[in-house]
């Protein structure tokens, strides 16, 4: 998982791409969990937190 410092070092385009990538991964993890194929369910929580970190840093940078 990415730490906040690593995310802050990215530019806006890279942050947006990471956000898309993590959302796709979360979708796939949820699908695997629903079909009982996911062994590490803790990964869902970690991905959700990383998405929240990225969104928070984007908000900080835009000043909204």
N, C-alpha and C. Protein backbone atom coordinates (compact mmCIF):
# COMPACT_ATOMS: atom_id res chain seq x y z
N UNK A 1 0.83 -1.18 0.00
CA UNK A 1 0.00 0.00 0.00
C UNK A 1 0.88 1.25 0.00
N UNK A 2 0.34 2.28 -0.55
CA UNK A 2 1.10 3.52 -0.66
C UNK A 2 0.93 4.34 0.61
N UNK A 3 2.00 4.95 1.02
CA UNK A 3 1.97 5.84 2.16
C UNK A 3 1.65 7.25 1.67
N UNK A 4 1.20 8.11 2.58
CA UNK A 4 0.79 9.46 2.20
C UNK A 4 1.93 10.23 1.55
N UNK A 5 3.15 10.06 2.06
CA UNK A 5 4.29 10.77 1.48
C UNK A 5 4.52 10.36 0.03
N UNK A 6 4.38 9.07 -0.25
CA UNK A 6 4.56 8.59 -1.62
C UNK A 6 3.50 9.18 -2.54
N UNK A 7 2.29 9.30 -2.04
CA UNK A 7 1.19 9.85 -2.84
C UNK A 7 1.41 11.33 -3.10
N UNK A 8 1.87 12.06 -2.08
CA UNK A 8 2.10 13.50 -2.24
C UNK A 8 3.19 13.80 -3.26
N UNK A 9 4.12 12.87 -3.44
CA UNK A 9 5.20 13.07 -4.40
C UNK A 9 4.74 12.92 -5.85
N UNK A 10 3.55 12.37 -6.07
CA UNK A 10 3.03 12.17 -7.42
C UNK A 10 2.40 13.45 -7.95
N UNK A 11 2.34 13.58 -9.27
CA UNK A 11 1.62 14.71 -9.84
C UNK A 11 0.14 14.36 -9.96
N UNK A 12 -0.66 15.31 -10.36
CA UNK A 12 -2.11 15.12 -10.39
C UNK A 12 -2.53 13.98 -11.32
N UNK A 13 -1.91 13.89 -12.47
CA UNK A 13 -2.25 12.83 -13.42
C UNK A 13 -1.94 11.45 -12.88
N UNK A 14 -0.79 11.32 -12.24
CA UNK A 14 -0.40 10.02 -11.67
C UNK A 14 -1.32 9.64 -10.51
N UNK A 15 -1.71 10.64 -9.71
CA UNK A 15 -2.63 10.36 -8.61
C UNK A 15 -3.98 9.87 -9.14
N UNK A 16 -4.45 10.51 -10.18
CA UNK A 16 -5.71 10.11 -10.78
C UNK A 16 -5.64 8.69 -11.33
N UNK A 17 -4.52 8.36 -11.95
CA UNK A 17 -4.36 7.01 -12.50
C UNK A 17 -4.28 5.98 -11.38
N UNK A 18 -3.57 6.29 -10.30
CA UNK A 18 -3.50 5.37 -9.15
C UNK A 18 -4.88 5.16 -8.56
N UNK A 19 -5.67 6.23 -8.50
CA UNK A 19 -7.03 6.13 -7.96
C UNK A 19 -7.87 5.18 -8.81
N UNK A 20 -7.77 5.29 -10.11
CA UNK A 20 -8.50 4.40 -11.01
C UNK A 20 -8.04 2.95 -10.82
N UNK A 21 -6.73 2.77 -10.71
CA UNK A 21 -6.18 1.42 -10.54
C UNK A 21 -6.67 0.78 -9.24
N UNK A 22 -6.64 1.55 -8.15
CA UNK A 22 -7.08 1.01 -6.87
C UNK A 22 -8.58 0.73 -6.85
N UNK A 23 -9.36 1.55 -7.54
CA UNK A 23 -10.81 1.28 -7.60
C UNK A 23 -11.10 0.00 -8.38
N UNK A 24 -10.35 -0.24 -9.45
CA UNK A 24 -10.50 -1.49 -10.20
C UNK A 24 -10.11 -2.68 -9.34
N UNK A 25 -9.01 -2.52 -8.59
CA UNK A 25 -8.58 -3.60 -7.71
C UNK A 25 -9.63 -3.88 -6.64
N UNK A 26 -10.23 -2.82 -6.08
CA UNK A 26 -11.26 -3.01 -5.07
C UNK A 26 -12.47 -3.74 -5.65
N UNK A 27 -12.85 -3.39 -6.87
CA UNK A 27 -13.96 -4.08 -7.52
C UNK A 27 -13.65 -5.57 -7.65
N UNK A 28 -12.43 -5.88 -8.13
CA UNK A 28 -12.05 -7.28 -8.29
C UNK A 28 -11.99 -8.02 -6.96
N UNK A 29 -11.50 -7.35 -5.92
CA UNK A 29 -11.45 -7.98 -4.60
C UNK A 29 -12.85 -8.28 -4.07
N UNK A 30 -13.76 -7.33 -4.26
CA UNK A 30 -15.14 -7.55 -3.81
C UNK A 30 -15.79 -8.71 -4.57
N UNK A 31 -15.50 -8.80 -5.85
CA UNK A 31 -16.04 -9.89 -6.66
C UNK A 31 -15.49 -11.23 -6.18
N UNK A 32 -14.19 -11.29 -5.93
CA UNK A 32 -13.58 -12.52 -5.43
C UNK A 32 -14.13 -12.89 -4.06
N UNK A 33 -14.36 -11.89 -3.24
CA UNK A 33 -14.90 -12.15 -1.90
C UNK A 33 -16.31 -12.72 -1.99
N UNK A 34 -17.10 -12.20 -2.91
CA UNK A 34 -18.48 -12.66 -3.06
C UNK A 34 -18.54 -14.09 -3.57
N UNK A 35 -17.54 -14.48 -4.35
CA UNK A 35 -17.53 -15.84 -4.89
C UNK A 35 -16.65 -16.79 -4.08
N UNK A 36 -16.27 -16.36 -2.89
CA UNK A 36 -15.47 -17.15 -1.95
C UNK A 36 -14.11 -17.57 -2.52
N UNK A 37 -13.50 -16.71 -3.33
CA UNK A 37 -12.19 -17.00 -3.89
C UNK A 37 -11.09 -16.17 -3.24
N UNK A 38 -11.46 -15.24 -2.38
CA UNK A 38 -10.49 -14.34 -1.77
C UNK A 38 -9.99 -14.93 -0.46
N UNK A 39 -8.67 -15.09 -0.36
CA UNK A 39 -8.09 -15.65 0.85
C UNK A 39 -7.73 -14.55 1.86
N UNK A 40 -7.19 -13.43 1.38
CA UNK A 40 -6.77 -12.35 2.26
C UNK A 40 -7.82 -11.24 2.24
N UNK A 41 -8.81 -11.34 3.11
CA UNK A 41 -9.88 -10.34 3.12
C UNK A 41 -9.41 -9.00 3.68
N UNK A 42 -8.30 -8.98 4.37
CA UNK A 42 -7.75 -7.73 4.92
C UNK A 42 -7.30 -6.80 3.80
N UNK A 43 -7.05 -7.34 2.63
CA UNK A 43 -6.61 -6.53 1.49
C UNK A 43 -7.69 -5.53 1.08
N UNK A 44 -8.97 -5.90 1.24
CA UNK A 44 -10.06 -4.99 0.91
C UNK A 44 -9.96 -3.73 1.75
N UNK A 45 -9.75 -3.90 3.04
CA UNK A 45 -9.64 -2.77 3.95
C UNK A 45 -8.45 -1.89 3.59
N UNK A 46 -7.32 -2.50 3.26
CA UNK A 46 -6.12 -1.75 2.92
C UNK A 46 -6.32 -0.93 1.64
N UNK A 47 -6.98 -1.52 0.65
CA UNK A 47 -7.22 -0.80 -0.61
C UNK A 47 -8.19 0.35 -0.38
N UNK A 48 -9.22 0.13 0.43
CA UNK A 48 -10.17 1.22 0.73
C UNK A 48 -9.47 2.39 1.40
N UNK A 49 -8.56 2.08 2.31
CA UNK A 49 -7.84 3.16 3.00
C UNK A 49 -6.91 3.90 2.05
N UNK A 50 -6.28 3.20 1.14
CA UNK A 50 -5.40 3.84 0.17
C UNK A 50 -6.21 4.76 -0.75
N UNK A 51 -7.39 4.30 -1.16
CA UNK A 51 -8.27 5.15 -1.98
C UNK A 51 -8.63 6.42 -1.21
N UNK A 52 -8.95 6.28 0.06
CA UNK A 52 -9.30 7.44 0.88
C UNK A 52 -8.11 8.39 1.02
N UNK A 53 -6.91 7.84 1.17
CA UNK A 53 -5.71 8.68 1.26
C UNK A 53 -5.52 9.49 -0.01
N UNK A 54 -5.66 8.82 -1.14
CA UNK A 54 -5.47 9.52 -2.42
C UNK A 54 -6.51 10.62 -2.59
N UNK A 55 -7.77 10.31 -2.29
CA UNK A 55 -8.83 11.31 -2.42
C UNK A 55 -8.59 12.49 -1.48
N UNK A 56 -8.14 12.23 -0.28
CA UNK A 56 -7.87 13.29 0.68
C UNK A 56 -6.75 14.20 0.20
N UNK A 57 -5.69 13.63 -0.31
CA UNK A 57 -4.56 14.42 -0.79
C UNK A 57 -4.95 15.23 -2.02
N UNK A 58 -5.78 14.66 -2.88
CA UNK A 58 -6.28 15.42 -4.04
C UNK A 58 -7.08 16.62 -3.55
N UNK A 59 -7.92 16.43 -2.55
CA UNK A 59 -8.69 17.54 -1.99
C UNK A 59 -7.78 18.61 -1.38
N UNK A 60 -6.73 18.18 -0.68
CA UNK A 60 -5.79 19.12 -0.10
C UNK A 60 -5.12 19.96 -1.17
N UNK A 61 -4.72 19.32 -2.26
CA UNK A 61 -3.99 20.03 -3.33
C UNK A 61 -4.90 20.98 -4.11
N UNK A 62 -6.17 20.60 -4.26
CA UNK A 62 -7.08 21.47 -5.01
C UNK A 62 -7.62 22.60 -4.14
N UNK A 63 -7.50 22.47 -2.85
CA UNK A 63 -7.96 23.52 -1.95
C UNK A 63 -9.45 23.56 -1.77
N UNK A 64 -10.12 22.49 -2.12
CA UNK A 64 -11.58 22.47 -2.00
C UNK A 64 -12.02 22.07 -0.61
